[in-house]
Amino acid sequence: MLPDFNDRPTGRRFAVEGEVVLNFDDTVPREIRGQFLDFGRDGFRVIHSYVGLVSGQSVYYHHVLAKGTAKVVWNRIIGEMVETGFIIIGE
């Protein structure tokens, strides 16, 4: 399924380094640790190793510079890693 283009983040992105923690409820609460790739006013990208995130899924994210809730827009599997694009839905 292709992402809804209305959900795609727009605007300028800035490179951000450091660990980001993603929390969400699957059948049990889960925590994923990944690395920020970039961050913008309305979205961000993270690289991590969890293949179970799906488009439309909501997560709580926490980084030293930002925290809030976001929705998964897309995933791209690159070898053993997953790159995920998120749109921010709340702070």
PDB file of N, CA and C in Angstrom:
ATOM      1  N   MET A   1       0.841  -1.176   0.000  1.00  0.00           N
ATOM      2  CA  MET A   1       0.000   0.000   0.000  1.00  0.00           C
ATOM      3  C   MET A   1       0.887   1.241   0.000  1.00  0.00           C
ATOM      4  N   LEU A   2       0.626   2.178  -0.881  1.00  0.00           N
ATOM      5  CA  LEU A   2       1.401   3.404  -0.948  1.00  0.00           C
ATOM      6  C   LEU A   2       0.942   4.381   0.127  1.00  0.00           C
ATOM      7  N   PRO A   3       1.868   5.201   0.645  1.00  0.00           N
ATOM      8  CA  PRO A   3       1.472   6.173   1.654  1.00  0.00           C
ATOM      9  C   PRO A   3       0.558   7.233   1.069  1.00  0.00           C
ATOM     10  N   ASP A   4      -0.283   7.792   1.895  1.00  0.00           N
ATOM     11  CA  ASP A   4      -1.153   8.891   1.507  1.00  0.00           C
ATOM     12  C   ASP A   4      -0.283  10.139   1.379  1.00  0.00           C
ATOM     13  N   PHE A   5      -0.254  10.747   0.195  1.00  0.00           N
ATOM     14  CA  PHE A   5       0.609  11.904  -0.008  1.00  0.00           C
ATOM     15  C   PHE A   5       0.218  13.080   0.873  1.00  0.00           C
ATOM     16  N   ASN A   6      -0.999  13.132   1.372  1.00  0.00           N
ATOM     17  CA  ASN A   6      -1.390  14.182   2.298  1.00  0.00           C
ATOM     18  C   ASN A   6      -0.719  14.018   3.657  1.00  0.00           C
ATOM     19  N   ASP A   7      -0.244  12.820   3.962  1.00  0.00           N
ATOM     20  CA  ASP A   7       0.423  12.564   5.234  1.00  0.00           C
ATOM     21  C   ASP A   7       1.931  12.755   5.156  1.00  0.00           C
ATOM     22  N   ARG A   8       2.462  13.010   3.984  1.00  0.00           N
ATOM     23  CA  ARG A   8       3.912  13.145   3.858  1.00  0.00           C
ATOM     24  C   ARG A   8       4.365  14.455   4.473  1.00  0.00           C
ATOM     25  N   PRO A   9       5.436  14.395   5.274  1.00  0.00           N
ATOM     26  CA  PRO A   9       5.974  15.624   5.849  1.00  0.00           C
ATOM     27  C   PRO A   9       6.491  16.549   4.756  1.00  0.00           C
ATOM     28  N   THR A  10       6.358  17.835   4.980  1.00  0.00           N
ATOM     29  CA  THR A  10       6.847  18.836   4.046  1.00  0.00           C
ATOM     30  C   THR A  10       7.764  19.782   4.798  1.00  0.00           C
ATOM     31  N   GLY A  11       8.445  20.623   4.067  1.00  0.00           N
ATOM     32  CA  GLY A  11       9.293  21.612   4.720  1.00  0.00           C
ATOM     33  C   GLY A  11      10.725  21.158   4.850  1.00  0.00           C
ATOM     34  N   ARG A  12      11.510  22.032   5.413  1.00  0.00           N
ATOM     35  CA  ARG A  12      12.945  21.817   5.543  1.00  0.00           C
ATOM     36  C   ARG A  12      13.263  20.784   6.615  1.00  0.00           C
ATOM     37  N   ARG A  13      14.252  19.927   6.333  1.00  0.00           N
ATOM     38  CA  ARG A  13      14.713  18.908   7.272  1.00  0.00           C
ATOM     39  C   ARG A  13      16.113  19.263   7.741  1.00  0.00           C
ATOM     40  N   PHE A  14      16.436  18.862   8.962  1.00  0.00           N
ATOM     41  CA  PHE A  14      17.747  19.108   9.534  1.00  0.00           C
ATOM     42  C   PHE A  14      18.335  17.791   9.998  1.00  0.00           C
ATOM     43  N   ALA A  15      19.612  17.594   9.722  1.00  0.00           N
ATOM     44  CA  ALA A  15      20.289  16.388  10.193  1.00  0.00           C
ATOM     45  C   ALA A  15      20.320  16.417  11.722  1.00  0.00           C
ATOM     46  N   VAL A  16      19.975  15.309  12.330  1.00  0.00           N
ATOM     47  CA  VAL A  16      19.972  15.191  13.785  1.00  0.00           C
ATOM     48  C   VAL A  16      20.673  13.888  14.125  1.00  0.00           C
ATOM     49  N   GLU A  17      21.499  13.921  15.139  1.00  0.00           N
ATOM     50  CA  GLU A  17      22.172  12.707  15.578  1.00  0.00           C
ATOM     51  C   GLU A  17      21.665  12.314  16.949  1.00  0.00           C
ATOM     52  N   GLY A  18      21.877  11.075  17.291  1.00  0.00           N
ATOM     53  CA  GLY A  18      21.539  10.609  18.620  1.00  0.00           C
ATOM     54  C   GLY A  18      20.436   9.578  18.621  1.00  0.00           C
ATOM     55  N   GLU A  19      20.341   8.910  19.738  1.00  0.00           N
ATOM     56  CA  GLU A  19      19.365   7.850  19.905  1.00  0.00           C
ATOM     57  C   GLU A  19      17.966   8.421  20.089  1.00  0.00           C
ATOM     58  N   VAL A  20      17.005   7.754  19.482  1.00  0.00           N
ATOM     59  CA  VAL A  20      15.598   8.061  19.691  1.00  0.00           C
ATOM     60  C   VAL A  20      14.941   6.783  20.195  1.00  0.00           C
ATOM     61  N   VAL A  21      14.027   6.926  21.143  1.00  0.00           N
ATOM     62  CA  VAL A  21      13.292   5.789  21.683  1.00  0.00           C
ATOM     63  C   VAL A  21      11.854   5.898  21.202  1.00  0.00           C
ATOM     64  N   LEU A  22      11.344   4.808  20.628  1.00  0.00           N
ATOM     65  CA  LEU A  22       9.962   4.731  20.150  1.00  0.00           C
ATOM     66  C   LEU A  22       9.215   3.740  21.032  1.00  0.00           C
ATOM     67  N   ASN A  23       8.079   4.161  21.577  1.00  0.00           N
ATOM     68  CA  ASN A  23       7.230   3.287  22.383  1.00  0.00           C
ATOM     69  C   ASN A  23       5.860   3.190  21.722  1.00  0.00           C
ATOM     70  N   PHE A  24       5.282   1.989  21.761  1.00  0.00           N
ATOM     71  CA  PHE A  24       3.938   1.791  21.222  1.00  0.00           C
ATOM     72  C   PHE A  24       3.377   0.497  21.783  1.00  0.00           C
ATOM     73  N   ASP A  25       2.078   0.348  21.649  1.00  0.00           N
ATOM     74  CA  ASP A  25       1.416  -0.886  22.063  1.00  0.00           C
ATOM     75  C   ASP A  25       1.147  -1.730  20.838  1.00  0.00           C
ATOM     76  N   ASP A  26       1.714  -2.910  20.848  1.00  0.00           N
ATOM     77  CA  ASP A  26       1.384  -3.932  19.869  1.00  0.00           C
ATOM     78  C   ASP A  26       0.471  -4.847  20.685  1.00  0.00           C
ATOM     79  N   THR A  27       0.569  -6.091  20.693  1.00  0.00           N
ATOM     80  CA  THR A  27      -0.225  -6.889  21.631  1.00  0.00           C
ATOM     81  C   THR A  27       0.312  -6.718  23.052  1.00  0.00           C
ATOM     82  N   VAL A  28       1.562  -6.271  23.143  1.00  0.00           N
ATOM     83  CA  VAL A  28       2.191  -5.909  24.419  1.00  0.00           C
ATOM     84  C   VAL A  28       2.944  -4.600  24.192  1.00  0.00           C
ATOM     85  N   PRO A  29       3.169  -3.824  25.252  1.00  0.00           N
ATOM     86  CA  PRO A  29       3.953  -2.592  25.058  1.00  0.00           C
ATOM     87  C   PRO A  29       5.353  -2.916  24.530  1.00  0.00           C
ATOM     88  N   ARG A  30       5.832  -2.106  23.598  1.00  0.00           N
ATOM     89  CA  ARG A  30       7.151  -2.316  22.994  1.00  0.00           C
ATOM     90  C   ARG A  30       7.960  -1.034  23.043  1.00  0.00           C
ATOM     91  N   GLU A  31       9.261  -1.226  23.023  1.00  0.00           N
ATOM     92  CA  GLU A  31      10.180  -0.100  22.950  1.00  0.00           C
ATOM     93  C   GLU A  31      11.224  -0.424  21.890  1.00  0.00           C
ATOM     94  N   ILE A  32      11.440   0.524  20.979  1.00  0.00           N
ATOM     95  CA  ILE A  32      12.434   0.392  19.924  1.00  0.00           C
ATOM     96  C   ILE A  32      13.449   1.505  20.119  1.00  0.00           C
ATOM     97  N   ARG A  33      14.711   1.166  19.988  1.00  0.00           N
ATOM     98  CA  ARG A  33      15.768   2.173  20.024  1.00  0.00           C
ATOM     99  C   ARG A  33      16.350   2.288  18.627  1.00  0.00           C
ATOM    100  N   GLY A  34      16.446   3.516  18.151  1.00  0.00           N
ATOM    101  CA  GLY A  34      16.991   3.762  16.826  1.00  0.00           C
ATOM    102  C   GLY A  34      17.804   5.032  16.813  1.00  0.00           C
ATOM    103  N   GLN A  35      18.193   5.448  15.629  1.00  0.00           N
ATOM    104  CA  GLN A  35      18.975   6.660  15.438  1.00  0.00           C
ATOM    105  C   GLN A  35      18.215   7.608  14.515  1.00  0.00           C
ATOM    106  N   PHE A  36      18.112   8.874  14.927  1.00  0.00           N
ATOM    107  CA  PHE A  36      17.530   9.889  14.053  1.00  0.00           C
ATOM    108  C   PHE A  36      18.401  10.071  12.821  1.00  0.00           C
ATOM    109  N   LEU A  37      17.781  10.223  11.669  1.00  0.00           N
ATOM    110  CA  LEU A  37      18.480  10.593  10.445  1.00  0.00           C
ATOM    111  C   LEU A  37      18.276  12.072  10.159  1.00  0.00           C
ATOM    112  N   ASP A  38      17.034  12.526  10.294  1.00  0.00           N
ATOM    113  CA  ASP A  38      16.733  13.946  10.154  1.00  0.00           C
ATOM    114  C   ASP A  38      15.416  14.259  10.838  1.00  0.00           C
ATOM    115  N   PHE A  39      15.182  15.554  11.045  1.00  0.00           N
ATOM    116  CA  PHE A  39      14.007  16.008  11.789  1.00  0.00           C
ATOM    117  C   PHE A  39      13.556  17.325  11.177  1.00  0.00           C
ATOM    118  N   GLY A  40      12.254  17.512  11.041  1.00  0.00           N
ATOM    119  CA  GLY A  40      11.696  18.754  10.527  1.00  0.00           C
ATOM    120  C   GLY A  40      10.515  19.188  11.373  1.00  0.00           C
ATOM    121  N   ARG A  41       9.909  20.272  10.978  1.00  0.00           N
ATOM    122  CA  ARG A  41       8.776  20.828  11.726  1.00  0.00           C
ATOM    123  C   ARG A  41       7.627  19.836  11.839  1.00  0.00           C
ATOM    124  N   ASP A  42       7.432  19.013  10.806  1.00  0.00           N
ATOM    125  CA  ASP A  42       6.265  18.131  10.812  1.00  0.00           C
ATOM    126  C   ASP A  42       6.581  16.646  10.664  1.00  0.00           C
ATOM    127  N   GLY A  43       7.865  16.264  10.666  1.00  0.00           N
ATOM    128  CA  GLY A  43       8.174  14.853  10.543  1.00  0.00           C
ATOM    129  C   GLY A  43       9.646  14.558  10.723  1.00  0.00           C
ATOM    130  N   PHE A  44       9.982  13.268  10.676  1.00  0.00           N
ATOM    131  CA  PHE A  44      11.365  12.848  10.856  1.00  0.00           C
ATOM    132  C   PHE A  44      11.573  11.449  10.307  1.00  0.00           C
ATOM    133  N   ARG A  45      12.854  11.069  10.171  1.00  0.00           N
ATOM    134  CA  ARG A  45      13.226   9.720   9.750  1.00  0.00           C
ATOM    135  C   ARG A  45      14.113   9.098  10.815  1.00  0.00           C
ATOM    136  N   VAL A  46      13.936   7.787  11.017  1.00  0.00           N
ATOM    137  CA  VAL A  46      14.699   7.034  12.008  1.00  0.00           C
ATOM    138  C   VAL A  46      15.185   5.745  11.349  1.00  0.00           C
ATOM    139  N   ILE A  47      16.378   5.310  11.722  1.00  0.00           N
ATOM    140  CA  ILE A  47      16.860   3.988  11.301  1.00  0.00           C
ATOM    141  C   ILE A  47      16.912   3.104  12.539  1.00  0.00           C
ATOM    142  N   HIS A  48      16.417   1.867  12.404  1.00  0.00           N
ATOM    143  CA  HIS A  48      16.302   0.951  13.536  1.00  0.00           C
ATOM    144  C   HIS A  48      16.290  -0.472  13.003  1.00  0.00           C
ATOM    145  N   SER A  49      16.098  -1.445  13.875  1.00  0.00           N
ATOM    146  CA  SER A  49      16.142  -2.848  13.428  1.00  0.00           C
ATOM    147  C   SER A  49      14.812  -3.586  13.577  1.00  0.00           C
ATOM    148  N   TYR A  50      13.725  -2.881  13.890  1.00  0.00           N
ATOM    149  CA  TYR A  50      12.431  -3.533  14.113  1.00  0.00           C
ATOM    150  C   TYR A  50      11.599  -3.503  12.828  1.00  0.00           C
ATOM    151  N   VAL A  51      11.284  -4.662  12.265  1.00  0.00           N
ATOM    152  CA  VAL A  51      10.556  -4.724  10.986  1.00  0.00           C
ATOM    153  C   VAL A  51       9.040  -4.700  11.143  1.00  0.00           C
ATOM    154  N   GLY A  52       8.534  -4.655  12.372  1.00  0.00           N
ATOM    155  CA  GLY A  52       7.099  -4.778  12.599  1.00  0.00           C
ATOM    156  C   GLY A  52       6.276  -3.500  12.559  1.00  0.00           C
ATOM    157  N   LEU A  53       6.901  -2.327  12.373  1.00  0.00           N
ATOM    158  CA  LEU A  53       6.107  -1.095  12.280  1.00  0.00           C
ATOM    159  C   LEU A  53       5.333  -1.079  10.968  1.00  0.00           C
ATOM    160  N   VAL A  54       4.098  -0.571  11.008  1.00  0.00           N
ATOM    161  CA  VAL A  54       3.273  -0.525   9.799  1.00  0.00           C
ATOM    162  C   VAL A  54       2.752   0.888   9.573  1.00  0.00           C
ATOM    163  N   SER A  55       2.504   1.218   8.314  1.00  0.00           N
ATOM    164  CA  SER A  55       1.967   2.531   7.974  1.00  0.00           C
ATOM    165  C   SER A  55       0.681   2.800   8.743  1.00  0.00           C
ATOM    166  N   GLY A  56       0.584   4.007   9.287  1.00  0.00           N
ATOM    167  CA  GLY A  56      -0.589   4.402  10.052  1.00  0.00           C
ATOM    168  C   GLY A  56      -0.472   4.144  11.540  1.00  0.00           C
ATOM    169  N   GLN A  57       0.525   3.394  11.956  1.00  0.00           N
ATOM    170  CA  GLN A  57       0.711   3.071  13.376  1.00  0.00           C
ATOM    171  C   GLN A  57       1.225   4.293  14.126  1.00  0.00           C
ATOM    172  N   SER A  58       0.680   4.545  15.306  1.00  0.00           N
ATOM    173  CA  SER A  58       1.106   5.662  16.143  1.00  0.00           C
ATOM    174  C   SER A  58       2.146   5.205  17.154  1.00  0.00           C
ATOM    175  N   VAL A  59       3.134   6.077  17.399  1.00  0.00           N
ATOM    176  CA  VAL A  59       4.188   5.804  18.374  1.00  0.00           C
ATOM    177  C   VAL A  59       4.407   7.053  19.212  1.00  0.00           C
ATOM    178  N   TYR A  60       4.983   6.851  20.389  1.00  0.00           N
ATOM    179  CA  TYR A  60       5.482   7.951  21.200  1.00  0.00           C
ATOM    180  C   TYR A  60       6.991   7.961  20.999  1.00  0.00           C
ATOM    181  N   TYR A  61       7.556   9.121  20.667  1.00  0.00           N
ATOM    182  CA  TYR A  61       8.998   9.199  20.463  1.00  0.00           C
ATOM    183  C   TYR A  61       9.631  10.117  21.502  1.00  0.00           C
ATOM    184  N   HIS A  62      10.883   9.803  21.849  1.00  0.00           N
ATOM    185  CA  HIS A  62      11.606  10.609  22.829  1.00  0.00           C
ATOM    186  C   HIS A  62      13.063  10.711  22.401  1.00  0.00           C
ATOM    187  N   HIS A  63      13.524  11.920  22.266  1.00  0.00           N
ATOM    188  CA  HIS A  63      14.914  12.239  21.920  1.00  0.00           C
ATOM    189  C   HIS A  63      15.318  13.389  22.819  1.00  0.00           C
ATOM    190  N   VAL A  64      16.593  13.575  23.022  1.00  0.00           N
ATOM    191  CA  VAL A  64      17.065  14.634  23.902  1.00  0.00           C
ATOM    192  C   VAL A  64      16.536  16.014  23.468  1.00  0.00           C
ATOM    193  N   LEU A  65      16.260  16.215  22.183  1.00  0.00           N
ATOM    194  CA  LEU A  65      15.783  17.498  21.679  1.00  0.00           C
ATOM    195  C   LEU A  65      14.277  17.584  21.456  1.00  0.00           C
ATOM    196  N   ALA A  66      13.587  16.459  21.413  1.00  0.00           N
ATOM    197  CA  ALA A  66      12.156  16.490  21.090  1.00  0.00           C
ATOM    198  C   ALA A  66      11.459  15.239  21.597  1.00  0.00           C
ATOM    199  N   LYS A  67      10.149  15.368  21.845  1.00  0.00           N
ATOM    200  CA  LYS A  67       9.328  14.219  22.197  1.00  0.00           C
ATOM    201  C   LYS A  67       7.899  14.513  21.799  1.00  0.00           C
ATOM    202  N   GLY A  68       7.126  13.450  21.618  1.00  0.00           N
ATOM    203  CA  GLY A  68       5.734  13.608  21.237  1.00  0.00           C
ATOM    204  C   GLY A  68       5.193  12.336  20.623  1.00  0.00           C
ATOM    205  N   THR A  69       4.109  12.467  19.866  1.00  0.00           N
ATOM    206  CA  THR A  69       3.531  11.328  19.172  1.00  0.00           C
ATOM    207  C   THR A  69       3.678  11.532  17.659  1.00  0.00           C
ATOM    208  N   ALA A  70       3.822  10.409  16.965  1.00  0.00           N
ATOM    209  CA  ALA A  70       4.003  10.456  15.518  1.00  0.00           C
ATOM    210  C   ALA A  70       3.338   9.246  14.893  1.00  0.00           C
ATOM    211  N   LYS A  71       3.097   9.346  13.595  1.00  0.00           N
ATOM    212  CA  LYS A  71       2.473   8.255  12.846  1.00  0.00           C
ATOM    213  C   LYS A  71       3.448   7.766  11.785  1.00  0.00           C
ATOM    214  N   VAL A  72       3.546   6.443  11.640  1.00  0.00           N
ATOM    215  CA  VAL A  72       4.393   5.849  10.606  1.00  0.00           C
ATOM    216  C   VAL A  72       3.777   6.156   9.239  1.00  0.00           C
ATOM    217  N   VAL A  73       4.605   6.696   8.338  1.00  0.00           N
ATOM    218  CA  VAL A  73       4.149   6.971   6.981  1.00  0.00           C
ATOM    219  C   VAL A  73       4.668   5.900   6.026  1.00  0.00           C
ATOM    220  N   TRP A  74       5.928   5.517   6.173  1.00  0.00           N
ATOM    221  CA  TRP A  74       6.516   4.512   5.285  1.00  0.00           C
ATOM    222  C   TRP A  74       7.694   3.833   5.973  1.00  0.00           C
ATOM    223  N   ASN A  75       8.058   2.659   5.441  1.00  0.00           N
ATOM    224  CA  ASN A  75       9.224   1.895   5.876  1.00  0.00           C
ATOM    225  C   ASN A  75      10.014   1.479   4.648  1.00  0.00           C
ATOM    226  N   ARG A  76      11.331   1.423   4.797  1.00  0.00           N
ATOM    227  CA  ARG A  76      12.204   0.902   3.743  1.00  0.00           C
ATOM    228  C   ARG A  76      13.216  -0.011   4.425  1.00  0.00           C
ATOM    229  N   ILE A  77      13.236  -1.272   4.019  1.00  0.00           N
ATOM    230  CA  ILE A  77      14.184  -2.225   4.594  1.00  0.00           C
ATOM    231  C   ILE A  77      15.476  -2.155   3.796  1.00  0.00           C
ATOM    232  N   ILE A  78      16.582  -1.966   4.536  1.00  0.00           N
ATOM    233  CA  ILE A  78      17.903  -1.852   3.935  1.00  0.00           C
ATOM    234  C   ILE A  78      18.783  -2.880   4.633  1.00  0.00           C
ATOM    235  N   GLY A  79      18.904  -4.057   4.048  1.00  0.00           N
ATOM    236  CA  GLY A  79      19.667  -5.128   4.682  1.00  0.00           C
ATOM    237  C   GLY A  79      19.013  -5.536   5.985  1.00  0.00           C
ATOM    238  N   GLU A  80      19.727  -5.412   7.090  1.00  0.00           N
ATOM    239  CA  GLU A  80      19.212  -5.782   8.413  1.00  0.00           C
ATOM    240  C   GLU A  80      18.548  -4.609   9.133  1.00  0.00           C
ATOM    241  N   MET A  81      18.572  -3.435   8.511  1.00  0.00           N
ATOM    242  CA  MET A  81      18.033  -2.240   9.153  1.00  0.00           C
ATOM    243  C   MET A  81      16.749  -1.784   8.456  1.00  0.00           C
ATOM    244  N   VAL A  82      15.970  -0.976   9.177  1.00  0.00           N
ATOM    245  CA  VAL A  82      14.729  -0.427   8.645  1.00  0.00           C
ATOM    246  C   VAL A  82      14.796   1.088   8.782  1.00  0.00           C
ATOM    247  N   GLU A  83      14.524   1.792   7.700  1.00  0.00           N
ATOM    248  CA  GLU A  83      14.392   3.245   7.738  1.00  0.00           C
ATOM    249  C   GLU A  83      12.902   3.542   7.745  1.00  0.00           C
ATOM    250  N   THR A  84      12.449   4.365   8.669  1.00  0.00           N
ATOM    251  CA  THR A  84      11.029   4.680   8.791  1.00  0.00           C
ATOM    252  C   THR A  84      10.832   6.178   8.769  1.00  0.00           C
ATOM    253  N   GLY A  85       9.848   6.612   7.981  1.00  0.00           N
ATOM    254  CA  GLY A  85       9.459   8.018   7.938  1.00  0.00           C
ATOM    255  C   GLY A  85       8.211   8.231   8.778  1.00  0.00           C
ATOM    256  N   PHE A  86       8.228   9.270   9.611  1.00  0.00           N
ATOM    257  CA  PHE A  86       7.120   9.574  10.504  1.00  0.00           C
ATOM    258  C   PHE A  86       6.600  10.979  10.255  1.00  0.00           C
ATOM    259  N   ILE A  87       5.319  11.188  10.514  1.00  0.00           N
ATOM    260  CA  ILE A  87       4.734  12.522  10.544  1.00  0.00           C
ATOM    261  C   ILE A  87       4.336  12.785  12.000  1.00  0.00           C
ATOM    262  N   ILE A  88       4.656  13.965  12.482  1.00  0.00           N
ATOM    263  CA  ILE A  88       4.364  14.323  13.874  1.00  0.00           C
ATOM    264  C   ILE A  88       2.877  14.622  14.001  1.00  0.00           C
ATOM    265  N   ILE A  89       2.225  14.035  15.010  1.00  0.00           N
ATOM    266  CA  ILE A  89       0.793  14.273  15.216  1.00  0.00           C
ATOM    267  C   ILE A  89       0.494  14.919  16.568  1.00  0.00           C
ATOM    268  N   GLY A  90       1.494  15.058  17.431  1.00  0.00           N
ATOM    269  CA  GLY A  90       1.274  15.704  18.728  1.00  0.00           C
ATOM    270  C   GLY A  90       2.567  15.856  19.489  1.00  0.00           C
ATOM    271  N   GLU A  91       2.556  16.803  20.427  1.00  0.00           N
ATOM    272  CA  GLU A  91       3.762  17.031  21.239  1.00  0.00           C
ATOM    273  C   GLU A  91       3.492  16.714  22.674  1.00  0.00           C
TER     274      GLU A  91
END
